[in-house]
Amino acid sequence: MRALIDLHCHSTVSDGVLTPTEIVNHAAEKGVRVLALTDHDDVAGLATARAVAETHGMQFINGVEISVTWRRRTLHIVGLKINPEYAPLVQGLANIRAGRHTRAEGMAQALEKVGIHGALEGAYEYSKGGIISRTHFARFLIEKGYAKDTKAVFKRYLVKGKPGYVEHQWASLEDAMAWIIGSGGVAVIAHPGRYDLGRVTMLELMHEFRALGGAAIEVVTGSHTVDQYQEFAKMAKSFDLASSMGSDYHGKGQTYIEMGRLPSLPSHCVPVWRDWSEVQNMELEAH
């Protein structure tokens, strides 16, 4: 069975290639019935996306993906059912976005030292007025022929130890959780399989996340393997956490999986949406 719910995707407000209107239309074309837009560190696309979703009879969930530094590692925490006008959340996200500009300047300077010129301007061209991210630098570097695809360019230039990587202090886990929960939302650890944490460190993260009021783990997501679906489903159960899912769709050629193609959660999972009144009695699976 495939799921008709997608609680993780990106628009041009962050590092996606489709506008908020376009990504909702795309999700509708792919049969998605419940959608959360979770742009990085920005909620500017939510009102437009919600209005478009209503025209499709789609249930829309307010979301955001917050960049967090935890033990000198970068993690992402998704907030679902947030109030995008909650003042501490608005201010916190604004501070993160300002930090993104500072990091981008540092990345451009680092790339300049290895002979790559114009990276800052090139990355901002790809950001189209939204936040600036490593993904925008990646698209510029691919355009200029420094790598063939996103995976290759990150590996060669944009990860720790490579020429264009700049370490940055994002929001603390405590602050991100407080913003999400304070706004009435639920906090979800995004794509935990991508963080390359050892088992002990992963368990310590889960303990801390749970203690801070965390609600769920993203179990089924585009970057997880089938084995990881089961691994994180078991972990969610052991920590009394719900399970979430989402494609992490960024656009054609920029993503792990197409919208509407994710399998359903493992049968023993407790869905994060189980008690959401707006999705009760909706058919969220299809063959």
C-alpha atoms as a PDB file:
ATOM      1  CA  MET A   1       0.000   0.000   0.000  1.00  0.00           C
ATOM      2  CA  ARG A   2       1.129   3.546  -0.676  1.00  0.00           C
ATOM      3  CA  ALA A   3       0.381   6.477   1.582  1.00  0.00           C
ATOM      4  CA  LEU A   4      -1.745   9.461   0.565  1.00  0.00           C
ATOM      5  CA  ILE A   5      -0.278  11.641   3.311  1.00  0.00           C
ATOM      6  CA  ASP A   6       2.950  13.642   2.973  1.00  0.00           C
ATOM      7  CA  LEU A   7       4.177  15.616   5.971  1.00  0.00           C
ATOM      8  CA  HIS A   8       7.537  16.841   4.650  1.00  0.00           C
ATOM      9  CA  CYS A   9       8.219  18.830   1.467  1.00  0.00           C
ATOM     10  CA  HIS A  10       9.864  22.057   0.323  1.00  0.00           C
ATOM     11  CA  SER A  11       9.057  24.992  -1.944  1.00  0.00           C
ATOM     12  CA  THR A  12      11.029  27.917  -3.356  1.00  0.00           C
ATOM     13  CA  VAL A  13      10.569  29.620   0.008  1.00  0.00           C
ATOM     14  CA  SER A  14      13.504  27.422   1.040  1.00  0.00           C
ATOM     15  CA  ASP A  15      15.403  25.041  -1.247  1.00  0.00           C
ATOM     16  CA  GLY A  16      12.657  23.480  -3.349  1.00  0.00           C
ATOM     17  CA  VAL A  17      12.275  24.223  -7.052  1.00  0.00           C
ATOM     18  CA  LEU A  18       8.470  24.593  -7.097  1.00  0.00           C
ATOM     19  CA  THR A  19       6.589  27.574  -5.689  1.00  0.00           C
ATOM     20  CA  PRO A  20       4.126  26.948  -2.838  1.00  0.00           C
ATOM     21  CA  THR A  21       1.300  26.979  -5.398  1.00  0.00           C
ATOM     22  CA  GLU A  22       3.127  24.593  -7.714  1.00  0.00           C
ATOM     23  CA  ILE A  23       4.065  22.079  -5.043  1.00  0.00           C
ATOM     24  CA  VAL A  24       0.495  21.836  -3.757  1.00  0.00           C
ATOM     25  CA  ASN A  25      -0.767  21.365  -7.311  1.00  0.00           C
ATOM     26  CA  HIS A  26       1.894  18.705  -7.859  1.00  0.00           C
ATOM     27  CA  ALA A  27       0.928  16.880  -4.673  1.00  0.00           C
ATOM     28  CA  ALA A  28      -2.721  16.907  -5.735  1.00  0.00           C
ATOM     29  CA  GLU A  29      -1.779  15.464  -9.143  1.00  0.00           C
ATOM     30  CA  LYS A  30       0.041  12.631  -7.362  1.00  0.00           C
ATOM     31  CA  GLY A  31      -2.977  11.789  -5.214  1.00  0.00           C
ATOM     32  CA  VAL A  32      -1.807  13.247  -1.901  1.00  0.00           C
ATOM     33  CA  ARG A  33      -4.783  14.020   0.329  1.00  0.00           C
ATOM     34  CA  VAL A  34      -3.030  15.407   3.429  1.00  0.00           C
ATOM     35  CA  LEU A  35      -0.021  17.682   2.919  1.00  0.00           C
ATOM     36  CA  ALA A  36       2.350  19.633   5.152  1.00  0.00           C
ATOM     37  CA  LEU A  37       4.679  22.221   3.643  1.00  0.00           C
ATOM     38  CA  THR A  38       7.842  22.220   5.778  1.00  0.00           C
ATOM     39  CA  ASP A  39      10.236  24.770   4.349  1.00  0.00           C
ATOM     40  CA  HIS A  40      13.575  25.218   6.073  1.00  0.00           C
ATOM     41  CA  ASP A  41      13.418  27.907   8.756  1.00  0.00           C
ATOM     42  CA  ASP A  42      10.604  29.837   7.056  1.00  0.00           C
ATOM     43  CA  VAL A  43       6.804  29.847   7.104  1.00  0.00           C
ATOM     44  CA  ALA A  44       6.254  32.419   4.344  1.00  0.00           C
ATOM     45  CA  GLY A  45       4.675  29.908   1.959  1.00  0.00           C
ATOM     46  CA  LEU A  46       2.040  28.480   4.275  1.00  0.00           C
ATOM     47  CA  ALA A  47      -0.857  30.863   3.629  1.00  0.00           C
ATOM     48  CA  THR A  48      -0.604  30.507  -0.149  1.00  0.00           C
ATOM     49  CA  ALA A  49      -0.188  26.743   0.052  1.00  0.00           C
ATOM     50  CA  ARG A  50      -3.219  26.401   2.317  1.00  0.00           C
ATOM     51  CA  ALA A  51      -5.402  28.439  -0.033  1.00  0.00           C
ATOM     52  CA  VAL A  52      -4.382  26.299  -3.013  1.00  0.00           C
ATOM     53  CA  ALA A  53      -4.900  23.085  -1.048  1.00  0.00           C
ATOM     54  CA  GLU A  54      -8.469  24.129  -0.285  1.00  0.00           C
ATOM     55  CA  THR A  55      -9.225  24.364  -4.010  1.00  0.00           C
ATOM     56  CA  HIS A  56      -8.229  20.694  -4.337  1.00  0.00           C
ATOM     57  CA  GLY A  57     -10.192  19.541  -1.292  1.00  0.00           C
ATOM     58  CA  MET A  58      -6.855  18.618   0.271  1.00  0.00           C
ATOM     59  CA  GLN A  59      -6.242  18.802   4.015  1.00  0.00           C
ATOM     60  CA  PHE A  60      -3.315  21.161   4.643  1.00  0.00           C
ATOM     61  CA  ILE A  61      -1.084  21.104   7.720  1.00  0.00           C
ATOM     62  CA  ASN A  62       1.094  24.057   8.701  1.00  0.00           C
ATOM     63  CA  GLY A  63       4.721  22.986   8.992  1.00  0.00           C
ATOM     64  CA  VAL A  64       8.355  24.068   9.183  1.00  0.00           C
ATOM     65  CA  GLU A  65      11.739  22.318   9.296  1.00  0.00           C
ATOM     66  CA  ILE A  66      14.040  23.972  11.838  1.00  0.00           C
ATOM     67  CA  SER A  67      17.830  23.758  11.610  1.00  0.00           C
ATOM     68  CA  VAL A  68      19.329  22.701  14.949  1.00  0.00           C
ATOM     69  CA  THR A  69      22.834  22.273  16.326  1.00  0.00           C
ATOM     70  CA  TRP A  70      23.079  19.391  18.800  1.00  0.00           C
ATOM     71  CA  ARG A  71      26.486  18.333  20.080  1.00  0.00           C
ATOM     72  CA  ARG A  72      28.114  20.141  17.152  1.00  0.00           C
ATOM     73  CA  ARG A  73      25.972  18.183  14.695  1.00  0.00           C
ATOM     74  CA  THR A  74      23.316  19.656  12.429  1.00  0.00           C
ATOM     75  CA  LEU A  75      19.884  18.090  12.861  1.00  0.00           C
ATOM     76  CA  HIS A  76      16.472  19.011  11.486  1.00  0.00           C
ATOM     77  CA  ILE A  77      13.325  19.152  13.595  1.00  0.00           C
ATOM     78  CA  VAL A  78      10.002  19.322  11.776  1.00  0.00           C
ATOM     79  CA  GLY A  79       7.179  21.203  13.432  1.00  0.00           C
ATOM     80  CA  LEU A  80       3.663  20.164  12.392  1.00  0.00           C
ATOM     81  CA  LYS A  81       0.374  21.929  13.188  1.00  0.00           C
ATOM     82  CA  ILE A  82       2.295  25.039  14.200  1.00  0.00           C
ATOM     83  CA  ASN A  83       0.881  28.528  14.565  1.00  0.00           C
ATOM     84  CA  PRO A  84       3.034  30.469  12.061  1.00  0.00           C
ATOM     85  CA  GLU A  85       2.236  33.752  13.816  1.00  0.00           C
ATOM     86  CA  TYR A  86       3.542  32.664  17.240  1.00  0.00           C
ATOM     87  CA  ALA A  87       5.991  35.452  18.108  1.00  0.00           C
ATOM     88  CA  PRO A  88       8.888  33.399  19.562  1.00  0.00           C
ATOM     89  CA  LEU A  89       8.767  31.084  16.532  1.00  0.00           C
ATOM     90  CA  VAL A  90       8.678  34.007  14.093  1.00  0.00           C
ATOM     91  CA  GLN A  91      11.647  35.699  15.791  1.00  0.00           C
ATOM     92  CA  GLY A  92      13.608  32.479  16.156  1.00  0.00           C
ATOM     93  CA  LEU A  93      13.233  31.630  12.473  1.00  0.00           C
ATOM     94  CA  ALA A  94      14.229  35.176  11.514  1.00  0.00           C
ATOM     95  CA  ASN A  95      17.418  34.791  13.541  1.00  0.00           C
ATOM     96  CA  ILE A  96      18.233  31.502  11.805  1.00  0.00           C
ATOM     97  CA  ARG A  97      17.687  33.040   8.374  1.00  0.00           C
ATOM     98  CA  ALA A  98      20.055  35.896   9.239  1.00  0.00           C
ATOM     99  CA  GLY A  99      22.633  33.302  10.236  1.00  0.00           C
ATOM    100  CA  ARG A 100      22.166  31.570   6.888  1.00  0.00           C
ATOM    101  CA  HIS A 101      23.318  34.727   5.099  1.00  0.00           C
ATOM    102  CA  THR A 102      26.428  34.921   7.268  1.00  0.00           C
ATOM    103  CA  ARG A 103      27.218  31.274   6.552  1.00  0.00           C
ATOM    104  CA  ALA A 104      26.649  31.787   2.820  1.00  0.00           C
ATOM    105  CA  GLU A 105      29.201  34.594   2.762  1.00  0.00           C
ATOM    106  CA  GLY A 106      31.698  32.307   4.494  1.00  0.00           C
ATOM    107  CA  MET A 107      31.031  29.499   2.023  1.00  0.00           C
ATOM    108  CA  ALA A 108      31.576  31.815  -0.933  1.00  0.00           C
ATOM    109  CA  GLN A 109      34.857  33.030   0.540  1.00  0.00           C
ATOM    110  CA  ALA A 110      35.993  29.444   1.119  1.00  0.00           C
ATOM    111  CA  LEU A 111      35.128  28.461  -2.461  1.00  0.00           C
ATOM    112  CA  GLU A 112      36.923  31.552  -3.742  1.00  0.00           C
ATOM    113  CA  LYS A 113      40.118  30.225  -2.152  1.00  0.00           C
ATOM    114  CA  VAL A 114      39.964  27.110  -4.348  1.00  0.00           C
ATOM    115  CA  GLY A 115      39.325  29.098  -7.504  1.00  0.00           C
ATOM    116  CA  ILE A 116      35.527  29.070  -7.643  1.00  0.00           C
ATOM    117  CA  HIS A 117      34.316  32.617  -8.207  1.00  0.00           C
ATOM    118  CA  GLY A 118      30.847  34.162  -8.041  1.00  0.00           C
ATOM    119  CA  ALA A 119      29.380  31.460  -5.809  1.00  0.00           C
ATOM    120  CA  LEU A 120      27.465  33.804  -3.512  1.00  0.00           C
ATOM    121  CA  GLU A 121      25.751  35.619  -6.370  1.00  0.00           C
ATOM    122  CA  GLY A 122      25.117  32.326  -8.158  1.00  0.00           C
ATOM    123  CA  ALA A 123      23.573  30.705  -5.098  1.00  0.00           C
ATOM    124  CA  TYR A 124      21.313  33.701  -4.502  1.00  0.00           C
ATOM    125  CA  GLU A 125      20.119  33.475  -8.101  1.00  0.00           C
ATOM    126  CA  TYR A 126      18.927  29.945  -7.366  1.00  0.00           C
ATOM    127  CA  SER A 127      17.347  30.926  -4.052  1.00  0.00           C
ATOM    128  CA  LYS A 128      14.852  33.164  -5.910  1.00  0.00           C
ATOM    129  CA  GLY A 129      14.417  35.452  -2.952  1.00  0.00           C
ATOM    130  CA  GLY A 130      13.957  32.646  -0.429  1.00  0.00           C
ATOM    131  CA  ILE A 131      16.397  31.457   2.194  1.00  0.00           C
ATOM    132  CA  ILE A 132      19.945  30.636   1.132  1.00  0.00           C
ATOM    133  CA  SER A 133      21.183  27.071   1.651  1.00  0.00           C
ATOM    134  CA  ARG A 134      23.915  24.652   0.646  1.00  0.00           C
ATOM    135  CA  THR A 135      21.513  23.277  -1.949  1.00  0.00           C
ATOM    136  CA  HIS A 136      21.583  26.600  -3.797  1.00  0.00           C
ATOM    137  CA  PHE A 137      25.385  26.543  -3.820  1.00  0.00           C
ATOM    138  CA  ALA A 138      25.182  22.964  -5.105  1.00  0.00           C
ATOM    139  CA  ARG A 139      22.970  23.991  -8.020  1.00  0.00           C
ATOM    140  CA  PHE A 140      25.377  26.795  -8.919  1.00  0.00           C
ATOM    141  CA  LEU A 141      28.375  24.434  -8.807  1.00  0.00           C
ATOM    142  CA  ILE A 142      26.585  21.901 -11.011  1.00  0.00           C
ATOM    143  CA  GLU A 143      25.673  24.649 -13.485  1.00  0.00           C
ATOM    144  CA  LYS A 144      29.349  25.630 -13.694  1.00  0.00           C
ATOM    145  CA  GLY A 145      30.439  22.044 -14.273  1.00  0.00           C
ATOM    146  CA  TYR A 146      32.182  21.349 -10.976  1.00  0.00           C
ATOM    147  CA  ALA A 147      30.120  18.191 -10.413  1.00  0.00           C
ATOM    148  CA  LYS A 148      27.517  16.185 -12.311  1.00  0.00           C
ATOM    149  CA  ASP A 149      24.757  16.053  -9.697  1.00  0.00           C
ATOM    150  CA  THR A 150      23.733  17.109  -6.197  1.00  0.00           C
ATOM    151  CA  LYS A 151      25.133  14.032  -4.476  1.00  0.00           C
ATOM    152  CA  ALA A 152      28.527  14.454  -6.135  1.00  0.00           C
ATOM    153  CA  VAL A 153      28.788  18.173  -5.449  1.00  0.00           C
ATOM    154  CA  PHE A 154      27.981  17.783  -1.765  1.00  0.00           C
ATOM    155  CA  LYS A 155      30.542  15.004  -1.412  1.00  0.00           C
ATOM    156  CA  ARG A 156      33.243  17.031  -3.178  1.00  0.00           C
ATOM    157  CA  TYR A 157      32.615  20.542  -1.841  1.00  0.00           C
ATOM    158  CA  LEU A 158      29.867  21.003   0.738  1.00  0.00           C
ATOM    159  CA  VAL A 159      30.242  18.501   3.581  1.00  0.00           C
ATOM    160  CA  LYS A 160      32.500  18.691   6.618  1.00  0.00           C
ATOM    161  CA  GLY A 161      36.170  18.669   5.656  1.00  0.00           C
ATOM    162  CA  LYS A 162      35.556  19.869   2.089  1.00  0.00           C
ATOM    163  CA  PRO A 163      36.401  23.303   0.600  1.00  0.00           C
ATOM    164  CA  GLY A 164      32.947  24.886   0.740  1.00  0.00           C
ATOM    165  CA  TYR A 165      31.857  23.655   4.151  1.00  0.00           C
ATOM    166  CA  VAL A 166      31.442  26.250   6.894  1.00  0.00           C
ATOM    167  CA  GLU A 167      30.523  25.134  10.393  1.00  0.00           C
ATOM    168  CA  HIS A 168      27.573  27.072  11.761  1.00  0.00           C
ATOM    169  CA  GLN A 169      25.687  27.326  15.036  1.00  0.00           C
ATOM    170  CA  TRP A 170      21.972  26.845  14.389  1.00  0.00           C
ATOM    171  CA  ALA A 171      19.173  26.960  16.964  1.00  0.00           C
ATOM    172  CA  SER A 172      19.544  24.799  20.045  1.00  0.00           C
ATOM    173  CA  LEU A 173      17.353  21.720  20.288  1.00  0.00           C
ATOM    174  CA  GLU A 174      15.749  23.208  23.392  1.00  0.00           C
ATOM    175  CA  ASP A 175      14.831  26.448  21.627  1.00  0.00           C
ATOM    176  CA  ALA A 176      13.487  24.772  18.493  1.00  0.00           C
ATOM    177  CA  MET A 177      11.312  22.452  20.558  1.00  0.00           C
ATOM    178  CA  ALA A 178      10.043  25.337  22.677  1.00  0.00           C
ATOM    179  CA  TRP A 179       9.074  27.344  19.581  1.00  0.00           C
ATOM    180  CA  ILE A 180       7.198  24.418  18.044  1.00  0.00           C
ATOM    181  CA  ILE A 181       5.420  23.262  21.188  1.00  0.00           C
ATOM    182  CA  GLY A 182       4.731  26.824  22.350  1.00  0.00           C
ATOM    183  CA  SER A 183       2.999  27.507  19.039  1.00  0.00           C
ATOM    184  CA  GLY A 184       0.683  24.548  19.598  1.00  0.00           C
ATOM    185  CA  GLY A 185       2.587  22.249  17.248  1.00  0.00           C
ATOM    186  CA  VAL A 186       4.140  18.811  17.486  1.00  0.00           C
ATOM    187  CA  ALA A 187       7.879  18.207  17.097  1.00  0.00           C
ATOM    188  CA  VAL A 188       9.257  15.466  14.835  1.00  0.00           C
ATOM    189  CA  ILE A 189      12.864  14.345  14.285  1.00  0.00           C
ATOM    190  CA  ALA A 190      13.314  14.570  10.512  1.00  0.00           C
ATOM    191  CA  HIS A 191      15.017  11.731   8.569  1.00  0.00           C
ATOM    192  CA  PRO A 192      17.058  10.347  11.509  1.00  0.00           C
ATOM    193  CA  GLY A 193      18.808   7.875   9.232  1.00  0.00           C
ATOM    194  CA  ARG A 194      20.714  10.698   7.539  1.00  0.00           C
ATOM    195  CA  TYR A 195      22.635  11.852  10.597  1.00  0.00           C
ATOM    196  CA  ASP A 196      25.205   9.053  10.725  1.00  0.00           C
ATOM    197  CA  LEU A 197      24.954   8.805  14.513  1.00  0.00           C
ATOM    198  CA  GLY A 198      26.216   5.746  16.335  1.00  0.00           C
ATOM    199  CA  ARG A 199      23.594   3.747  18.185  1.00  0.00           C
ATOM    200  CA  VAL A 200      24.492   5.125  21.624  1.00  0.00           C
ATOM    201  CA  THR A 201      24.408   8.728  20.393  1.00  0.00           C
ATOM    202  CA  MET A 202      21.117   8.123  18.571  1.00  0.00           C
ATOM    203  CA  LEU A 203      19.560   6.741  21.751  1.00  0.00           C
ATOM    204  CA  GLU A 204      20.835   9.744  23.701  1.00  0.00           C
ATOM    205  CA  LEU A 205      19.223  12.042  21.126  1.00  0.00           C
ATOM    206  CA  MET A 206      15.932  10.180  21.462  1.00  0.00           C
ATOM    207  CA  HIS A 207      16.055  10.440  25.266  1.00  0.00           C
ATOM    208  CA  GLU A 208      16.681  14.187  25.128  1.00  0.00           C
ATOM    209  CA  PHE A 209      14.085  14.763  22.403  1.00  0.00           C
ATOM    210  CA  ARG A 210      11.467  12.835  24.380  1.00  0.00           C
ATOM    211  CA  ALA A 211      12.298  14.682  27.600  1.00  0.00           C
ATOM    212  CA  LEU A 212      11.834  18.025  25.840  1.00  0.00           C
ATOM    213  CA  GLY A 213       8.333  17.059  24.704  1.00  0.00           C
ATOM    214  CA  GLY A 214       9.078  15.528  21.310  1.00  0.00           C
ATOM    215  CA  ALA A 215       6.137  13.796  19.665  1.00  0.00           C
ATOM    216  CA  ALA A 216       7.370  11.657  16.778  1.00  0.00           C
ATOM    217  CA  ILE A 217      10.156  10.289  14.589  1.00  0.00           C
ATOM    218  CA  GLU A 218      10.047  10.467  10.808  1.00  0.00           C
ATOM    219  CA  VAL A 219      10.011   6.739  10.047  1.00  0.00           C
ATOM    220  CA  VAL A 220       9.085   6.569   6.358  1.00  0.00           C
ATOM    221  CA  THR A 221      10.874   9.219   4.326  1.00  0.00           C
ATOM    222  CA  GLY A 222      12.552   9.471   0.958  1.00  0.00           C
ATOM    223  CA  SER A 223      16.112   8.956   2.194  1.00  0.00           C
ATOM    224  CA  HIS A 224      15.389   5.922   4.395  1.00  0.00           C
ATOM    225  CA  THR A 225      15.835   2.336   3.270  1.00  0.00           C
ATOM    226  CA  VAL A 226      13.235  -0.351   3.892  1.00  0.00           C
ATOM    227  CA  ASP A 227      15.399  -1.660   6.741  1.00  0.00           C
ATOM    228  CA  GLN A 228      15.475   1.815   8.259  1.00  0.00           C
ATOM    229  CA  TYR A 229      11.681   1.970   8.183  1.00  0.00           C
ATOM    230  CA  GLN A 230      11.675  -0.990  10.551  1.00  0.00           C
ATOM    231  CA  GLU A 231      14.622   0.257  12.621  1.00  0.00           C
ATOM    232  CA  PHE A 232      13.066   3.620  13.372  1.00  0.00           C
ATOM    233  CA  ALA A 233       9.575   2.185  13.795  1.00  0.00           C
ATOM    234  CA  LYS A 234      10.974   0.016  16.602  1.00  0.00           C
ATOM    235  CA  MET A 235      12.841   2.974  18.072  1.00  0.00           C
ATOM    236  CA  ALA A 236       9.692   5.100  18.059  1.00  0.00           C
ATOM    237  CA  LYS A 237       7.810   2.377  19.899  1.00  0.00           C
ATOM    238  CA  SER A 238      10.563   1.901  22.478  1.00  0.00           C
ATOM    239  CA  PHE A 239      10.532   5.622  23.317  1.00  0.00           C
ATOM    240  CA  ASP A 240       6.725   5.892  23.244  1.00  0.00           C
ATOM    241  CA  LEU A 241       6.920   8.219  20.253  1.00  0.00           C
ATOM    242  CA  ALA A 242       4.545   8.412  17.315  1.00  0.00           C
ATOM    243  CA  SER A 243       5.686   7.879  13.722  1.00  0.00           C
ATOM    244  CA  SER A 244       5.588  10.415  10.911  1.00  0.00           C
ATOM    245  CA  MET A 245       6.257  10.252   7.198  1.00  0.00           C
ATOM    246  CA  GLY A 246       7.052  12.511   4.270  1.00  0.00           C
ATOM    247  CA  SER A 247       8.764  12.480   0.914  1.00  0.00           C
ATOM    248  CA  ASP A 248      11.122  15.413   1.657  1.00  0.00           C
ATOM    249  CA  TYR A 249      10.294  16.383  -1.923  1.00  0.00           C
ATOM    250  CA  HIS A 250      12.322  19.277  -3.364  1.00  0.00           C
ATOM    251  CA  GLY A 251      11.413  18.959  -7.054  1.00  0.00           C
ATOM    252  CA  LYS A 252      12.119  16.738 -10.027  1.00  0.00           C
ATOM    253  CA  GLY A 253      15.733  15.608 -10.030  1.00  0.00           C
ATOM    254  CA  GLN A 254      16.268  17.095  -6.566  1.00  0.00           C
ATOM    255  CA  THR A 255      14.726  14.424  -4.404  1.00  0.00           C
ATOM    256  CA  TYR A 256      14.816  10.812  -3.285  1.00  0.00           C
ATOM    257  CA  ILE A 257      11.252   9.860  -4.158  1.00  0.00           C
ATOM    258  CA  GLU A 258       8.226  11.267  -5.974  1.00  0.00           C
ATOM    259  CA  MET A 259       5.269  12.560  -3.989  1.00  0.00           C
ATOM    260  CA  GLY A 260       2.513  10.005  -3.573  1.00  0.00           C
ATOM    261  CA  ARG A 261       4.935   7.057  -3.866  1.00  0.00           C
ATOM    262  CA  LEU A 262       5.878   6.471  -0.235  1.00  0.00           C
ATOM    263  CA  PRO A 263       4.766   3.184   1.309  1.00  0.00           C
ATOM    264  CA  SER A 264       2.478   3.259   4.310  1.00  0.00           C
ATOM    265  CA  LEU A 265       3.903   3.235   7.821  1.00  0.00           C
ATOM    266  CA  PRO A 266       4.742  -0.199   9.254  1.00  0.00           C
ATOM    267  CA  SER A 267       1.580  -1.664  10.747  1.00  0.00           C
ATOM    268  CA  HIS A 268       2.729  -1.459  14.375  1.00  0.00           C
ATOM    269  CA  CYS A 269       3.434   2.291  14.201  1.00  0.00           C
ATOM    270  CA  VAL A 270       1.282   4.874  15.944  1.00  0.00           C
ATOM    271  CA  PRO A 271       0.753   7.612  13.310  1.00  0.00           C
ATOM    272  CA  VAL A 272       1.481  11.140  14.479  1.00  0.00           C
ATOM    273  CA  TRP A 273      -1.870  12.117  12.920  1.00  0.00           C
ATOM    274  CA  ARG A 274      -3.883   9.478  14.798  1.00  0.00           C
ATOM    275  CA  ASP A 275      -5.731  12.025  16.944  1.00  0.00           C
ATOM    276  CA  TRP A 276      -5.901  14.888  14.443  1.00  0.00           C
ATOM    277  CA  SER A 277      -9.578  15.726  14.027  1.00  0.00           C
ATOM    278  CA  GLU A 278      -9.079  17.146  10.530  1.00  0.00           C
ATOM    279  CA  VAL A 279      -7.973  13.796   9.090  1.00  0.00           C
ATOM    280  CA  GLN A 280     -10.434  11.513  10.846  1.00  0.00           C
ATOM    281  CA  ASN A 281     -12.416   9.286   8.477  1.00  0.00           C
ATOM    282  CA  MET A 282     -10.112  10.134   5.551  1.00  0.00           C
ATOM    283  CA  GLU A 283      -8.802   7.310   3.367  1.00  0.00           C
ATOM    284  CA  LEU A 284      -5.030   7.725   3.521  1.00  0.00           C
ATOM    285  CA  GLU A 285      -3.851   4.607   1.672  1.00  0.00           C
ATOM    286  CA  ALA A 286      -4.174   3.315  -1.872  1.00  0.00           C
ATOM    287  CA  HIS A 287      -2.923   0.346  -3.877  1.00  0.00           C
END
